[in-house]
C-alpha atoms as a PDB file:
ATOM      1  CA  MET A   1       0.000   0.000   0.000  1.00  0.00           C
ATOM      2  CA  PHE A   2       1.322   3.448  -0.872  1.00  0.00           C
ATOM      3  CA  GLY A   3       0.223   6.463   1.103  1.00  0.00           C
ATOM      4  CA  GLU A   4       1.029  10.059   1.792  1.00  0.00           C
ATOM      5  CA  LEU A   5       0.311  11.967   4.955  1.00  0.00           C
ATOM      6  CA  SER A   6       0.368  15.719   5.299  1.00  0.00           C
ATOM      7  CA  PHE A   7      -0.672  18.045   8.063  1.00  0.00           C
ATOM      8  CA  GLU A   8      -1.493  21.732   8.050  1.00  0.00           C
ATOM      9  CA  VAL A   9      -2.138  24.017  10.953  1.00  0.00           C
ATOM     10  CA  GLU A  10      -2.651  27.764  11.129  1.00  0.00           C
ATOM     11  CA  ILE A  11      -0.735  29.632  13.804  1.00  0.00           C
ATOM     12  CA  ASP A  12      -0.760  33.294  14.734  1.00  0.00           C
ATOM     13  CA  VAL A  13       2.938  34.167  14.349  1.00  0.00           C
ATOM     14  CA  PRO A  14       4.964  35.652  11.494  1.00  0.00           C
ATOM     15  CA  ALA A  15       5.921  33.058   8.874  1.00  0.00           C
ATOM     16  CA  GLY A  16       9.629  33.674   9.446  1.00  0.00           C
ATOM     17  CA  ASP A  17       9.306  32.885  13.164  1.00  0.00           C
ATOM     18  CA  ALA A  18       7.307  29.726  12.471  1.00  0.00           C
ATOM     19  CA  TRP A  19       9.804  28.542   9.852  1.00  0.00           C
ATOM     20  CA  GLU A  20      12.751  29.229  12.138  1.00  0.00           C
ATOM     21  CA  LEU A  21      11.306  26.731  14.630  1.00  0.00           C
ATOM     22  CA  TYR A  22       9.824  24.256  12.120  1.00  0.00           C
ATOM     23  CA  SER A  23      13.008  23.980  10.072  1.00  0.00           C
ATOM     24  CA  SER A  24      15.142  23.210  13.126  1.00  0.00           C
ATOM     25  CA  LEU A  25      15.614  20.284  15.467  1.00  0.00           C
ATOM     26  CA  GLN A  26      14.090  22.455  18.206  1.00  0.00           C
ATOM     27  CA  LEU A  27      10.631  21.597  16.833  1.00  0.00           C
ATOM     28  CA  ALA A  28      10.780  18.055  18.229  1.00  0.00           C
ATOM     29  CA  LYS A  29      11.741  19.362  21.653  1.00  0.00           C
ATOM     30  CA  VAL A  30       8.854  21.837  21.666  1.00  0.00           C
ATOM     31  CA  VAL A  31       6.426  19.146  20.528  1.00  0.00           C
ATOM     32  CA  GLN A  32       7.746  16.708  23.135  1.00  0.00           C
ATOM     33  CA  GLU A  33       7.165  19.271  25.889  1.00  0.00           C
ATOM     34  CA  GLY A  34       3.639  20.045  24.671  1.00  0.00           C
ATOM     35  CA  LEU A  35       2.298  16.608  23.767  1.00  0.00           C
ATOM     36  CA  ASP A  36       2.092  13.559  25.973  1.00  0.00           C
ATOM     37  CA  MET A  37       1.976  11.329  22.890  1.00  0.00           C
ATOM     38  CA  LEU A  38       5.628  11.958  22.015  1.00  0.00           C
ATOM     39  CA  GLU A  39       7.605   9.907  24.483  1.00  0.00           C
ATOM     40  CA  LYS A  40      11.129  10.247  23.108  1.00  0.00           C
ATOM     41  CA  PHE A  41      12.982  11.904  20.258  1.00  0.00           C
ATOM     42  CA  GLU A  42      16.528  10.930  19.290  1.00  0.00           C
ATOM     43  CA  LEU A  43      18.868  12.363  16.692  1.00  0.00           C
ATOM     44  CA  VAL A  44      20.299   9.344  14.855  1.00  0.00           C
ATOM     45  CA  GLU A  45      22.433  11.203  12.317  1.00  0.00           C
ATOM     46  CA  GLY A  46      22.933  14.626  10.824  1.00  0.00           C
ATOM     47  CA  ASP A  47      22.624  18.209  11.950  1.00  0.00           C
ATOM     48  CA  GLY A  48      19.028  19.057  11.018  1.00  0.00           C
ATOM     49  CA  GLY A  49      19.625  19.385   7.277  1.00  0.00           C
ATOM     50  CA  VAL A  50      18.707  17.041   4.440  1.00  0.00           C
ATOM     51  CA  GLY A  51      19.733  13.492   5.346  1.00  0.00           C
ATOM     52  CA  THR A  52      19.153  13.974   9.071  1.00  0.00           C
ATOM     53  CA  GLY A  53      17.716  10.860  10.693  1.00  0.00           C
ATOM     54  CA  LEU A  54      15.479  10.832  13.757  1.00  0.00           C
ATOM     55  CA  GLN A  55      14.085   8.039  15.879  1.00  0.00           C
ATOM     56  CA  ILE A  56      10.715   8.933  17.374  1.00  0.00           C
ATOM     57  CA  THR A  57       8.957   6.992  20.103  1.00  0.00           C
ATOM     58  CA  LEU A  58       5.241   7.578  20.560  1.00  0.00           C
ATOM     59  CA  ALA A  59       3.606   6.699  23.859  1.00  0.00           C
ATOM     60  CA  PRO A  60       1.428   3.583  23.857  1.00  0.00           C
ATOM     61  CA  THR A  61      -2.213   4.189  22.984  1.00  0.00           C
ATOM     62  CA  PRO A  62      -4.783   3.500  25.703  1.00  0.00           C
ATOM     63  CA  GLY A  63      -4.907  -0.266  26.037  1.00  0.00           C
ATOM     64  CA  GLY A  64      -1.735  -0.604  23.974  1.00  0.00           C
ATOM     65  CA  GLU A  65       1.221  -2.476  25.361  1.00  0.00           C
ATOM     66  CA  GLU A  66       4.100  -1.165  23.286  1.00  0.00           C
ATOM     67  CA  PRO A  67       5.044   2.318  22.150  1.00  0.00           C
ATOM     68  CA  MET A  68       5.260   2.936  18.400  1.00  0.00           C
ATOM     69  CA  ILE A  69       8.845   3.542  17.330  1.00  0.00           C
ATOM     70  CA  TYR A  70       9.786   4.779  13.904  1.00  0.00           C
ATOM     71  CA  LYS A  71      12.691   6.384  12.107  1.00  0.00           C
ATOM     72  CA  GLU A  72      12.393   9.215   9.645  1.00  0.00           C
ATOM     73  CA  LYS A  73      14.839  11.038   7.422  1.00  0.00           C
ATOM     74  CA  PHE A  74      14.609  14.617   6.155  1.00  0.00           C
ATOM     75  CA  THR A  75      14.507  14.385   2.362  1.00  0.00           C
ATOM     76  CA  LYS A  76      13.885  18.014   1.401  1.00  0.00           C
ATOM     77  CA  ILE A  77      14.366  21.358   3.095  1.00  0.00           C
ATOM     78  CA  ASP A  78      13.703  24.470   1.028  1.00  0.00           C
ATOM     79  CA  ASN A  79      14.218  27.612   3.093  1.00  0.00           C
ATOM     80  CA  GLU A  80      13.061  29.910   0.290  1.00  0.00           C
ATOM     81  CA  LYS A  81       9.694  28.153  -0.165  1.00  0.00           C
ATOM     82  CA  ARG A  82       9.597  27.044   3.484  1.00  0.00           C
ATOM     83  CA  ILE A  83       9.085  23.374   2.676  1.00  0.00           C
ATOM     84  CA  LYS A  84      10.326  20.482   4.769  1.00  0.00           C
ATOM     85  CA  GLU A  85       9.709  16.856   3.816  1.00  0.00           C
ATOM     86  CA  ALA A  86      10.521  13.731   5.777  1.00  0.00           C
ATOM     87  CA  GLU A  87      10.190  10.073   4.902  1.00  0.00           C
ATOM     88  CA  VAL A  88       9.549   7.238   7.334  1.00  0.00           C
ATOM     89  CA  VAL A  89      12.383   4.766   6.712  1.00  0.00           C
ATOM     90  CA  GLU A  90      11.715   2.206   9.449  1.00  0.00           C
ATOM     91  CA  GLY A  91       8.765   1.221  11.634  1.00  0.00           C
ATOM     92  CA  GLY A  92       5.637   3.346  12.043  1.00  0.00           C
ATOM     93  CA  PHE A  93       3.457   3.409   8.932  1.00  0.00           C
ATOM     94  CA  LEU A  94       5.756   0.921   7.209  1.00  0.00           C
ATOM     95  CA  ASP A  95       4.854  -1.637   9.887  1.00  0.00           C
ATOM     96  CA  LEU A  96       1.192  -0.973   9.052  1.00  0.00           C
ATOM     97  CA  GLY A  97       1.718  -1.990   5.417  1.00  0.00           C
ATOM     98  CA  PHE A  98       2.499   1.323   3.731  1.00  0.00           C
ATOM     99  CA  THR A  99       5.447   1.362   1.343  1.00  0.00           C
ATOM    100  CA  LEU A 100       7.885   3.990   0.142  1.00  0.00           C
END
């Protein structure tokens, strides 16, 4: 199965401020502090640019026994157009039958 997932949210800050956070590794730390669902975030390789790999651990769902762990890699970062793309390379949606 092939799938694509995207997410949009409107926030009340200047675009430059939002991009400064979103395009950095600080985003994961902010999300981790604000959401109980993100249990752990680890930098596997890289410095936040294209090719950076992350391992993300989501807390178990209610009634779930194991947390969901997946790895993603940044595949595109365009500062001019403010686009950042990541691809799940292990676990997560791939374990659910999606393919790259």
